[in-house]
Amino acid sequence: MTPPNNSKRRKELVAIAARLFYEQGYERTTVRMLADAMGIKSGSLFHHFNDKQEILCAVIQDGMESAMEIARQALDGVADPKERFLSLSKAHLSTLLNDRNAHVVALYEWRSLSDSSLDLLIGMRDEYENLWQKVIDECVEAGVLKGDVPLIRRFTLGALNWTVQWYDASGEKSSDDLAKALAELMGMPAS
């Protein structure tokens, strides 16, 4: 039987799996590699998880829960639509660029999920995108954004997600600078 998702040991194992899936890719990461990195025998891995697919689902689920919590905290107490957009952009970049593992795995390994894993995770993804949609709707209603609202969300998330390909944390721009640049690009100059 699999322990509850909030088990401390399981969370440690999920974090190790996230790192390996990020570094090696889901398909190239073997059960033996996971067990070795976790300091357990291959068979012991199945005391914690039913199979490798369940591990991938747990990695993405943890990443999505973290992203949602960071986003909600970023929006807490922020009323101005433009500031809400900027805060949410900063939060999204924080989840992608500061804790790359689980969030980047979610971006690139979504296609590797089984139908049962997708059933669980699609609702979480939709909840996160709905949060974005709400903030974008607020910006459109306030007149700080114009255009096709669903496309604005897709373009925004696409641009933010792609930063994992080119952003260099040791470069001259911070992730907050990127969020401000996106807002400016979308016609929301800094106040």
N, C-alpha and C. Protein backbone atom coordinates (compact mmCIF):
# COMPACT_ATOMS: atom_id res chain seq x y z
N MET A 1 0.84 -1.19 0.00
CA MET A 1 0.00 0.00 0.00
C MET A 1 0.88 1.25 0.00
N THR A 2 0.47 2.24 -0.76
CA THR A 2 1.22 3.48 -0.86
C THR A 2 0.90 4.39 0.31
N PRO A 3 1.94 4.95 0.98
CA PRO A 3 1.67 5.88 2.08
C PRO A 3 0.97 7.14 1.58
N PRO A 4 0.36 7.90 2.49
CA PRO A 4 -0.30 9.14 2.06
C PRO A 4 0.69 10.10 1.40
N ASN A 5 0.16 10.95 0.53
CA ASN A 5 0.99 11.89 -0.22
C ASN A 5 1.75 12.84 0.68
N ASN A 6 1.30 13.05 1.92
CA ASN A 6 1.97 14.01 2.78
C ASN A 6 3.04 13.39 3.67
N SER A 7 3.33 12.11 3.49
CA SER A 7 4.39 11.45 4.24
C SER A 7 5.72 12.17 3.98
N LYS A 8 6.48 12.43 5.04
CA LYS A 8 7.75 13.15 4.91
C LYS A 8 8.71 12.38 4.00
N ARG A 9 8.83 11.09 4.17
CA ARG A 9 9.74 10.29 3.35
C ARG A 9 9.31 10.31 1.88
N ARG A 10 8.01 10.18 1.67
CA ARG A 10 7.51 10.20 0.29
C ARG A 10 7.84 11.54 -0.36
N LYS A 11 7.68 12.65 0.36
CA LYS A 11 8.00 13.97 -0.20
C LYS A 11 9.49 14.06 -0.55
N GLU A 12 10.34 13.48 0.30
CA GLU A 12 11.78 13.46 0.00
C GLU A 12 12.04 12.67 -1.28
N LEU A 13 11.39 11.54 -1.42
CA LEU A 13 11.57 10.70 -2.61
C LEU A 13 11.05 11.41 -3.86
N VAL A 14 9.95 12.11 -3.73
CA VAL A 14 9.39 12.85 -4.86
C VAL A 14 10.37 13.95 -5.29
N ALA A 15 10.98 14.63 -4.33
CA ALA A 15 11.95 15.69 -4.66
C ALA A 15 13.17 15.11 -5.39
N ILE A 16 13.63 13.95 -4.97
CA ILE A 16 14.76 13.29 -5.64
C ILE A 16 14.35 12.89 -7.06
N ALA A 17 13.15 12.33 -7.19
CA ALA A 17 12.65 11.93 -8.52
C ALA A 17 12.52 13.15 -9.42
N ALA A 18 12.04 14.27 -8.88
CA ALA A 18 11.90 15.49 -9.67
C ALA A 18 13.25 15.92 -10.24
N ARG A 19 14.28 15.86 -9.40
CA ARG A 19 15.62 16.24 -9.87
C ARG A 19 16.09 15.31 -10.99
N LEU A 20 15.90 14.01 -10.80
CA LEU A 20 16.33 13.06 -11.83
C LEU A 20 15.53 13.22 -13.13
N PHE A 21 14.22 13.38 -13.01
CA PHE A 21 13.40 13.55 -14.21
C PHE A 21 13.79 14.85 -14.93
N TYR A 22 14.14 15.87 -14.17
CA TYR A 22 14.58 17.13 -14.76
C TYR A 22 15.92 16.94 -15.49
N GLU A 23 16.85 16.27 -14.83
CA GLU A 23 18.19 16.10 -15.40
C GLU A 23 18.24 15.08 -16.53
N GLN A 24 17.53 13.96 -16.37
CA GLN A 24 17.64 12.84 -17.32
C GLN A 24 16.45 12.71 -18.27
N GLY A 25 15.31 13.27 -17.87
CA GLY A 25 14.06 13.03 -18.59
C GLY A 25 13.38 11.81 -18.00
N TYR A 26 12.08 11.78 -18.07
CA TYR A 26 11.30 10.68 -17.49
C TYR A 26 11.64 9.35 -18.14
N GLU A 27 11.66 9.31 -19.45
CA GLU A 27 11.89 8.04 -20.17
C GLU A 27 13.28 7.47 -19.90
N ARG A 28 14.29 8.33 -19.78
CA ARG A 28 15.66 7.85 -19.58
C ARG A 28 15.98 7.52 -18.12
N THR A 29 15.12 7.93 -17.21
CA THR A 29 15.34 7.65 -15.79
C THR A 29 14.77 6.28 -15.47
N THR A 30 15.63 5.38 -15.04
CA THR A 30 15.18 4.02 -14.72
C THR A 30 14.80 3.92 -13.24
N VAL A 31 14.07 2.86 -12.93
CA VAL A 31 13.71 2.59 -11.53
C VAL A 31 14.98 2.39 -10.71
N ARG A 32 15.97 1.72 -11.28
CA ARG A 32 17.24 1.51 -10.57
C ARG A 32 17.92 2.86 -10.27
N MET A 33 17.91 3.77 -11.24
CA MET A 33 18.50 5.10 -11.01
C MET A 33 17.77 5.82 -9.89
N LEU A 34 16.44 5.75 -9.90
CA LEU A 34 15.65 6.39 -8.85
C LEU A 34 16.00 5.81 -7.49
N ALA A 35 16.01 4.48 -7.40
CA ALA A 35 16.30 3.81 -6.13
C ALA A 35 17.71 4.15 -5.64
N ASP A 36 18.68 4.12 -6.54
CA ASP A 36 20.06 4.45 -6.16
C ASP A 36 20.15 5.87 -5.60
N ALA A 37 19.53 6.82 -6.29
CA ALA A 37 19.57 8.22 -5.84
C ALA A 37 18.84 8.39 -4.52
N MET A 38 17.85 7.55 -4.28
CA MET A 38 17.06 7.64 -3.06
C MET A 38 17.69 6.86 -1.90
N GLY A 39 18.74 6.09 -2.23
CA GLY A 39 19.42 5.31 -1.20
C GLY A 39 18.62 4.11 -0.73
N ILE A 40 17.82 3.56 -1.62
CA ILE A 40 17.03 2.37 -1.29
C ILE A 40 17.20 1.33 -2.38
N LYS A 41 16.75 0.11 -2.11
CA LYS A 41 16.78 -0.94 -3.13
C LYS A 41 15.62 -0.73 -4.09
N SER A 42 15.80 -1.19 -5.33
CA SER A 42 14.77 -1.00 -6.35
C SER A 42 13.41 -1.50 -5.87
N GLY A 43 13.41 -2.67 -5.24
CA GLY A 43 12.14 -3.23 -4.77
C GLY A 43 11.50 -2.39 -3.67
N SER A 44 12.32 -1.73 -2.88
CA SER A 44 11.80 -0.90 -1.78
C SER A 44 11.07 0.33 -2.30
N LEU A 45 11.41 0.74 -3.50
CA LEU A 45 10.75 1.89 -4.11
C LEU A 45 9.24 1.65 -4.19
N PHE A 46 8.88 0.39 -4.40
CA PHE A 46 7.47 0.06 -4.59
C PHE A 46 6.72 -0.07 -3.26
N HIS A 47 7.43 0.13 -2.16
CA HIS A 47 6.75 0.29 -0.88
C HIS A 47 6.14 1.68 -0.81
N HIS A 48 6.75 2.62 -1.51
CA HIS A 48 6.32 4.01 -1.49
C HIS A 48 5.42 4.38 -2.67
N PHE A 49 5.62 3.71 -3.80
CA PHE A 49 4.88 4.01 -5.03
C PHE A 49 4.50 2.71 -5.72
N ASN A 50 3.41 2.72 -6.45
CA ASN A 50 3.00 1.53 -7.19
C ASN A 50 3.88 1.29 -8.42
N ASP A 51 4.29 2.36 -9.08
CA ASP A 51 5.10 2.24 -10.28
C ASP A 51 5.74 3.61 -10.61
N LYS A 52 6.55 3.62 -11.65
CA LYS A 52 7.25 4.83 -12.04
C LYS A 52 6.27 5.93 -12.47
N GLN A 53 5.17 5.55 -13.08
CA GLN A 53 4.16 6.51 -13.51
C GLN A 53 3.57 7.25 -12.30
N GLU A 54 3.37 6.53 -11.21
CA GLU A 54 2.85 7.17 -9.99
C GLU A 54 3.87 8.18 -9.45
N ILE A 55 5.14 7.89 -9.61
CA ILE A 55 6.18 8.83 -9.17
C ILE A 55 6.10 10.10 -10.01
N LEU A 56 5.99 9.95 -11.33
CA LEU A 56 5.88 11.11 -12.21
C LEU A 56 4.65 11.95 -11.84
N CYS A 57 3.54 11.29 -11.62
CA CYS A 57 2.32 12.00 -11.24
C CYS A 57 2.53 12.75 -9.93
N ALA A 58 3.19 12.12 -8.96
CA ALA A 58 3.44 12.77 -7.66
C ALA A 58 4.36 13.98 -7.82
N VAL A 59 5.36 13.88 -8.69
CA VAL A 59 6.27 15.00 -8.94
C VAL A 59 5.49 16.19 -9.50
N ILE A 60 4.68 15.93 -10.50
CA ILE A 60 3.94 17.02 -11.14
C ILE A 60 2.88 17.57 -10.19
N GLN A 61 2.21 16.69 -9.45
CA GLN A 61 1.21 17.13 -8.49
C GLN A 61 1.83 18.04 -7.44
N ASP A 62 2.97 17.64 -6.88
CA ASP A 62 3.64 18.48 -5.88
C ASP A 62 4.03 19.83 -6.48
N GLY A 63 4.55 19.82 -7.70
CA GLY A 63 4.93 21.06 -8.36
C GLY A 63 3.74 21.97 -8.59
N MET A 64 2.62 21.39 -8.99
CA MET A 64 1.42 22.20 -9.26
C MET A 64 0.84 22.76 -7.96
N GLU A 65 0.86 21.95 -6.90
CA GLU A 65 0.38 22.45 -5.61
C GLU A 65 1.25 23.60 -5.12
N SER A 66 2.55 23.47 -5.30
CA SER A 66 3.48 24.52 -4.91
C SER A 66 3.23 25.79 -5.72
N ALA A 67 3.08 25.64 -7.03
CA ALA A 67 2.85 26.80 -7.90
C ALA A 67 1.57 27.52 -7.51
N MET A 68 0.53 26.76 -7.20
CA MET A 68 -0.75 27.37 -6.82
C MET A 68 -0.62 28.13 -5.51
N GLU A 69 0.08 27.55 -4.55
CA GLU A 69 0.27 28.21 -3.25
C GLU A 69 1.09 29.49 -3.41
N ILE A 70 2.15 29.44 -4.18
CA ILE A 70 2.99 30.62 -4.42
C ILE A 70 2.17 31.71 -5.13
N ALA A 71 1.35 31.32 -6.09
CA ALA A 71 0.52 32.28 -6.82
C ALA A 71 -0.50 32.93 -5.89
N ARG A 72 -1.15 32.14 -5.08
CA ARG A 72 -2.16 32.70 -4.16
C ARG A 72 -1.51 33.67 -3.17
N GLN A 73 -0.35 33.29 -2.65
CA GLN A 73 0.35 34.18 -1.72
C GLN A 73 0.74 35.49 -2.41
N ALA A 74 1.17 35.40 -3.65
CA ALA A 74 1.58 36.59 -4.39
C ALA A 74 0.41 37.54 -4.61
N LEU A 75 -0.77 37.01 -4.77
CA LEU A 75 -1.95 37.84 -5.03
C LEU A 75 -2.63 38.34 -3.77
N ASP A 76 -2.31 37.74 -2.65
CA ASP A 76 -2.96 38.09 -1.39
C ASP A 76 -2.75 39.56 -1.06
N GLY A 77 -3.84 40.29 -0.94
CA GLY A 77 -3.78 41.70 -0.56
C GLY A 77 -3.46 42.66 -1.69
N VAL A 78 -3.27 42.16 -2.90
CA VAL A 78 -2.97 43.03 -4.05
C VAL A 78 -4.28 43.30 -4.79
N ALA A 79 -4.68 44.56 -4.90
CA ALA A 79 -5.98 44.91 -5.48
C ALA A 79 -5.87 45.43 -6.91
N ASP A 80 -4.83 46.21 -7.21
CA ASP A 80 -4.69 46.83 -8.53
C ASP A 80 -4.48 45.75 -9.60
N PRO A 81 -5.29 45.73 -10.66
CA PRO A 81 -5.17 44.68 -11.69
C PRO A 81 -3.77 44.57 -12.31
N LYS A 82 -3.17 45.72 -12.60
CA LYS A 82 -1.82 45.71 -13.19
C LYS A 82 -0.81 45.10 -12.22
N GLU A 83 -0.92 45.44 -10.94
CA GLU A 83 -0.02 44.88 -9.93
C GLU A 83 -0.29 43.39 -9.72
N ARG A 84 -1.56 42.99 -9.85
CA ARG A 84 -1.89 41.57 -9.71
C ARG A 84 -1.25 40.77 -10.85
N PHE A 85 -1.30 41.32 -12.07
CA PHE A 85 -0.67 40.66 -13.21
C PHE A 85 0.83 40.54 -12.99
N LEU A 86 1.44 41.61 -12.55
CA LEU A 86 2.88 41.61 -12.29
C LEU A 86 3.23 40.63 -11.17
N SER A 87 2.45 40.62 -10.10
CA SER A 87 2.71 39.70 -8.98
C SER A 87 2.57 38.25 -9.41
N LEU A 88 1.56 37.97 -10.21
CA LEU A 88 1.35 36.60 -10.67
C LEU A 88 2.47 36.18 -11.63
N SER A 89 2.92 37.11 -12.47
CA SER A 89 4.04 36.82 -13.37
C SER A 89 5.31 36.51 -12.58
N LYS A 90 5.58 37.32 -11.56
CA LYS A 90 6.75 37.08 -10.71
C LYS A 90 6.65 35.72 -10.01
N ALA A 91 5.46 35.40 -9.52
CA ALA A 91 5.26 34.12 -8.84
C ALA A 91 5.48 32.96 -9.79
N HIS A 92 4.97 33.09 -11.00
CA HIS A 92 5.13 32.01 -11.99
C HIS A 92 6.61 31.81 -12.32
N LEU A 93 7.30 32.90 -12.55
CA LEU A 93 8.73 32.78 -12.84
C LEU A 93 9.50 32.21 -11.64
N SER A 94 9.09 32.57 -10.46
CA SER A 94 9.72 32.02 -9.27
C SER A 94 9.60 30.50 -9.22
N THR A 95 8.41 30.00 -9.54
CA THR A 95 8.21 28.55 -9.51
C THR A 95 9.03 27.86 -10.59
N LEU A 96 9.19 28.51 -11.72
CA LEU A 96 9.94 27.90 -12.82
C LEU A 96 11.45 28.00 -12.65
N LEU A 97 11.92 29.15 -12.19
CA LEU A 97 13.36 29.42 -12.23
C LEU A 97 14.07 29.19 -10.91
N ASN A 98 13.36 29.24 -9.80
CA ASN A 98 14.00 29.04 -8.50
C ASN A 98 13.96 27.60 -8.04
N ASP A 99 12.92 26.87 -8.39
CA ASP A 99 12.81 25.44 -8.07
C ASP A 99 12.47 24.74 -9.37
N ARG A 100 13.44 24.67 -10.22
CA ARG A 100 13.23 24.23 -11.59
C ARG A 100 12.69 22.80 -11.70
N ASN A 101 13.07 21.93 -10.83
CA ASN A 101 12.82 20.51 -11.03
C ASN A 101 11.36 20.15 -11.31
N ALA A 102 10.50 20.22 -10.31
CA ALA A 102 9.12 19.75 -10.48
C ALA A 102 8.37 20.54 -11.53
N HIS A 103 8.60 21.83 -11.59
CA HIS A 103 7.85 22.67 -12.51
C HIS A 103 8.27 22.45 -13.96
N VAL A 104 9.55 22.27 -14.18
CA VAL A 104 10.03 22.00 -15.53
C VAL A 104 9.62 20.59 -15.95
N VAL A 105 9.64 19.65 -15.02
CA VAL A 105 9.17 18.29 -15.33
C VAL A 105 7.72 18.37 -15.79
N ALA A 106 6.91 19.17 -15.12
CA ALA A 106 5.50 19.30 -15.51
C ALA A 106 5.38 19.83 -16.94
N LEU A 107 6.23 20.77 -17.32
CA LEU A 107 6.17 21.32 -18.67
C LEU A 107 6.54 20.28 -19.73
N TYR A 108 7.59 19.52 -19.46
CA TYR A 108 8.14 18.65 -20.50
C TYR A 108 7.68 17.20 -20.45
N GLU A 109 7.20 16.76 -19.33
CA GLU A 109 6.83 15.36 -19.22
C GLU A 109 5.32 15.13 -19.17
N TRP A 110 4.55 16.17 -19.37
CA TRP A 110 3.09 16.06 -19.36
C TRP A 110 2.65 14.96 -20.33
N ARG A 111 3.32 14.87 -21.47
CA ARG A 111 2.96 13.89 -22.50
C ARG A 111 3.21 12.45 -22.06
N SER A 112 4.01 12.26 -21.02
CA SER A 112 4.33 10.92 -20.52
C SER A 112 3.33 10.41 -19.50
N LEU A 113 2.37 11.24 -19.13
CA LEU A 113 1.40 10.84 -18.10
C LEU A 113 0.37 9.86 -18.65
N SER A 114 -0.01 8.92 -17.80
CA SER A 114 -1.07 7.98 -18.16
C SER A 114 -2.42 8.70 -18.08
N ASP A 115 -3.45 8.07 -18.64
CA ASP A 115 -4.79 8.66 -18.59
C ASP A 115 -5.26 8.88 -17.16
N SER A 116 -4.97 7.93 -16.27
CA SER A 116 -5.43 8.09 -14.88
C SER A 116 -4.70 9.25 -14.19
N SER A 117 -3.42 9.43 -14.50
CA SER A 117 -2.69 10.58 -13.95
C SER A 117 -3.23 11.88 -14.51
N LEU A 118 -3.51 11.89 -15.80
CA LEU A 118 -4.07 13.09 -16.42
C LEU A 118 -5.41 13.47 -15.79
N ASP A 119 -6.22 12.46 -15.49
CA ASP A 119 -7.51 12.73 -14.85
C ASP A 119 -7.32 13.53 -13.57
N LEU A 120 -6.32 13.19 -12.78
CA LEU A 120 -6.05 13.90 -11.53
C LEU A 120 -5.47 15.29 -11.79
N LEU A 121 -4.54 15.39 -12.70
CA LEU A 121 -3.77 16.62 -12.86
C LEU A 121 -4.42 17.68 -13.73
N ILE A 122 -5.29 17.29 -14.64
CA ILE A 122 -5.93 18.28 -15.51
C ILE A 122 -6.75 19.27 -14.69
N GLY A 123 -7.44 18.79 -13.67
CA GLY A 123 -8.21 19.69 -12.81
C GLY A 123 -7.31 20.70 -12.11
N MET A 124 -6.14 20.25 -11.67
CA MET A 124 -5.19 21.15 -11.02
C MET A 124 -4.67 22.19 -12.01
N ARG A 125 -4.34 21.74 -13.21
CA ARG A 125 -3.85 22.66 -14.24
C ARG A 125 -4.92 23.70 -14.56
N ASP A 126 -6.17 23.22 -14.70
CA ASP A 126 -7.27 24.13 -15.02
C ASP A 126 -7.48 25.16 -13.90
N GLU A 127 -7.34 24.74 -12.66
CA GLU A 127 -7.49 25.66 -11.53
C GLU A 127 -6.44 26.76 -11.60
N TYR A 128 -5.21 26.38 -11.93
CA TYR A 128 -4.13 27.36 -12.04
C TYR A 128 -4.38 28.31 -13.21
N GLU A 129 -4.77 27.76 -14.35
CA GLU A 129 -5.04 28.61 -15.51
C GLU A 129 -6.25 29.52 -15.25
N ASN A 130 -7.24 29.04 -14.50
CA ASN A 130 -8.39 29.88 -14.15
C ASN A 130 -7.98 31.07 -13.28
N LEU A 131 -7.00 30.84 -12.41
CA LEU A 131 -6.48 31.94 -11.60
C LEU A 131 -5.88 33.01 -12.52
N TRP A 132 -5.09 32.57 -13.48
CA TRP A 132 -4.52 33.49 -14.46
C TRP A 132 -5.62 34.20 -15.24
N GLN A 133 -6.63 33.41 -15.65
CA GLN A 133 -7.71 33.99 -16.45
C GLN A 133 -8.43 35.09 -15.67
N LYS A 134 -8.64 34.86 -14.38
CA LYS A 134 -9.31 35.86 -13.54
C LYS A 134 -8.51 37.17 -13.50
N VAL A 135 -7.20 37.05 -13.32
CA VAL A 135 -6.35 38.25 -13.27
C VAL A 135 -6.34 38.95 -14.62
N ILE A 136 -6.27 38.21 -15.68
CA ILE A 136 -6.29 38.82 -17.03
C ILE A 136 -7.64 39.48 -17.29
N ASP A 137 -8.73 38.83 -16.89
CA ASP A 137 -10.06 39.45 -17.02
C ASP A 137 -10.11 40.78 -16.28
N GLU A 138 -9.54 40.82 -15.08
CA GLU A 138 -9.52 42.05 -14.30
C GLU A 138 -8.75 43.15 -15.05
N CYS A 139 -7.65 42.77 -15.67
CA CYS A 139 -6.84 43.73 -16.42
C CYS A 139 -7.60 44.26 -17.64
N VAL A 140 -8.32 43.38 -18.32
CA VAL A 140 -9.10 43.80 -19.48
C VAL A 140 -10.22 44.74 -19.04
N GLU A 141 -10.91 44.38 -17.96
CA GLU A 141 -12.00 45.22 -17.45
C GLU A 141 -11.47 46.60 -17.02
N ALA A 142 -10.26 46.64 -16.50
CA ALA A 142 -9.66 47.91 -16.07
C ALA A 142 -9.04 48.69 -17.23
N GLY A 143 -9.01 48.06 -18.42
CA GLY A 143 -8.46 48.72 -19.60
C GLY A 143 -6.95 48.70 -19.70
N VAL A 144 -6.27 47.89 -18.88
CA VAL A 144 -4.80 47.84 -18.96
C VAL A 144 -4.30 46.75 -19.90
N LEU A 145 -5.20 45.87 -20.33
CA LEU A 145 -4.89 44.88 -21.35
C LEU A 145 -6.01 44.90 -22.38
N LYS A 146 -5.65 44.68 -23.63
CA LYS A 146 -6.64 44.62 -24.71
C LYS A 146 -6.33 43.41 -25.58
N GLY A 147 -7.38 42.81 -26.10
CA GLY A 147 -7.19 41.70 -27.02
C GLY A 147 -8.07 40.52 -26.67
N ASP A 148 -7.80 39.43 -27.36
CA ASP A 148 -8.52 38.17 -27.18
C ASP A 148 -8.08 37.57 -25.85
N VAL A 149 -8.97 37.55 -24.87
CA VAL A 149 -8.62 37.20 -23.50
C VAL A 149 -8.02 35.79 -23.38
N PRO A 150 -8.64 34.75 -23.95
CA PRO A 150 -8.00 33.42 -23.84
C PRO A 150 -6.61 33.38 -24.49
N LEU A 151 -6.45 34.12 -25.58
CA LEU A 151 -5.12 34.16 -26.22
C LEU A 151 -4.11 34.89 -25.35
N ILE A 152 -4.55 35.93 -24.67
CA ILE A 152 -3.63 36.65 -23.78
C ILE A 152 -3.08 35.67 -22.74
N ARG A 153 -3.96 34.85 -22.15
CA ARG A 153 -3.51 33.87 -21.16
C ARG A 153 -2.52 32.88 -21.78
N ARG A 154 -2.85 32.37 -22.94
CA ARG A 154 -1.97 31.38 -23.59
C ARG A 154 -0.62 31.99 -23.96
N PHE A 155 -0.65 33.20 -24.53
CA PHE A 155 0.61 33.87 -24.88
C PHE A 155 1.44 34.16 -23.63
N THR A 156 0.78 34.63 -22.59
CA THR A 156 1.49 34.98 -21.36
C THR A 156 2.16 33.75 -20.76
N LEU A 157 1.39 32.68 -20.56
CA LEU A 157 1.96 31.47 -19.96
C LEU A 157 3.01 30.85 -20.88
N GLY A 158 2.78 30.89 -22.18
CA GLY A 158 3.77 30.36 -23.12
C GLY A 158 5.09 31.12 -23.02
N ALA A 159 5.01 32.44 -22.98
CA ALA A 159 6.23 33.26 -22.87
C ALA A 159 6.94 32.99 -21.55
N LEU A 160 6.20 32.96 -20.46
CA LEU A 160 6.81 32.71 -19.15
C LEU A 160 7.43 31.32 -19.10
N ASN A 161 6.71 30.32 -19.59
CA ASN A 161 7.22 28.94 -19.53
C ASN A 161 8.48 28.76 -20.37
N TRP A 162 8.58 29.47 -21.46
CA TRP A 162 9.74 29.30 -22.35
C TRP A 162 11.03 29.83 -21.72
N THR A 163 10.92 30.66 -20.68
CA THR A 163 12.12 31.20 -20.05
C THR A 163 13.04 30.10 -19.53
N VAL A 164 12.50 28.92 -19.24
CA VAL A 164 13.36 27.84 -18.75
C VAL A 164 14.38 27.42 -19.80
N GLN A 165 14.13 27.78 -21.06
CA GLN A 165 15.06 27.43 -22.13
C GLN A 165 16.23 28.40 -22.24
N TRP A 166 16.01 29.64 -21.88
CA TRP A 166 17.06 30.63 -22.16
C TRP A 166 17.51 31.47 -20.97
N TYR A 167 16.76 31.48 -19.89
CA TYR A 167 17.12 32.36 -18.79
C TYR A 167 18.37 31.88 -18.07
N ASP A 168 19.25 32.82 -17.76
CA ASP A 168 20.48 32.54 -17.03
C ASP A 168 20.46 33.36 -15.74
N ALA A 169 20.31 32.68 -14.62
CA ALA A 169 20.20 33.36 -13.32
C ALA A 169 21.44 34.17 -13.00
N SER A 170 22.58 33.82 -13.59
CA SER A 170 23.79 34.57 -13.31
C SER A 170 23.94 35.78 -14.25
N GLY A 171 22.98 35.97 -15.14
CA GLY A 171 23.00 37.09 -16.07
C GLY A 171 22.61 38.39 -15.39
N GLU A 172 22.46 39.42 -16.21
CA GLU A 172 22.20 40.75 -15.65
C GLU A 172 20.74 40.99 -15.28
N LYS A 173 19.82 40.15 -15.71
CA LYS A 173 18.39 40.33 -15.42
C LYS A 173 17.92 39.33 -14.36
N SER A 174 17.14 39.83 -13.41
CA SER A 174 16.53 38.95 -12.41
C SER A 174 15.21 38.44 -12.97
N SER A 175 14.65 37.44 -12.31
CA SER A 175 13.34 36.95 -12.75
C SER A 175 12.28 38.04 -12.57
N ASP A 176 12.42 38.89 -11.56
CA ASP A 176 11.49 40.02 -11.40
C ASP A 176 11.62 40.99 -12.57
N ASP A 177 12.85 41.20 -13.07
CA ASP A 177 13.04 42.04 -14.25
C ASP A 177 12.30 41.47 -15.45
N LEU A 178 12.31 40.14 -15.57
CA LEU A 178 11.60 39.50 -16.68
C LEU A 178 10.10 39.74 -16.57
N ALA A 179 9.56 39.61 -15.36
CA ALA A 179 8.13 39.84 -15.15
C ALA A 179 7.76 41.28 -15.52
N LYS A 180 8.58 42.24 -15.11
CA LYS A 180 8.32 43.65 -15.44
C LYS A 180 8.40 43.87 -16.95
N ALA A 181 9.37 43.24 -17.60
CA ALA A 181 9.51 43.38 -19.05
C ALA A 181 8.30 42.81 -19.77
N LEU A 182 7.77 41.69 -19.29
CA LEU A 182 6.57 41.12 -19.90
C LEU A 182 5.39 42.08 -19.76
N ALA A 183 5.21 42.64 -18.57
CA ALA A 183 4.11 43.58 -18.35
C ALA A 183 4.25 44.78 -19.28
N GLU A 184 5.46 45.29 -19.44
CA GLU A 184 5.70 46.42 -20.33
C GLU A 184 5.42 46.03 -21.78
N LEU A 185 5.85 44.85 -22.17
CA LEU A 185 5.61 44.36 -23.52
C LEU A 185 4.11 44.27 -23.82
N MET A 186 3.34 43.96 -22.79
CA MET A 186 1.89 43.83 -22.96
C MET A 186 1.17 45.17 -22.79
N GLY A 187 1.96 46.25 -22.68
CA GLY A 187 1.37 47.58 -22.62
C GLY A 187 1.04 48.07 -21.23
N MET A 188 1.67 47.46 -20.23
CA MET A 188 1.45 47.87 -18.85
C MET A 188 2.75 48.40 -18.27
N PRO A 189 3.14 49.63 -18.63
CA PRO A 189 4.40 50.16 -18.09
C PRO A 189 4.36 50.24 -16.57
N ALA A 190 5.53 50.11 -15.97
CA ALA A 190 5.64 50.16 -14.51
C ALA A 190 5.17 51.51 -14.00
N SER A 191 4.50 51.47 -12.84
CA SER A 191 4.00 52.72 -12.28
C SER A 191 5.08 53.46 -11.55
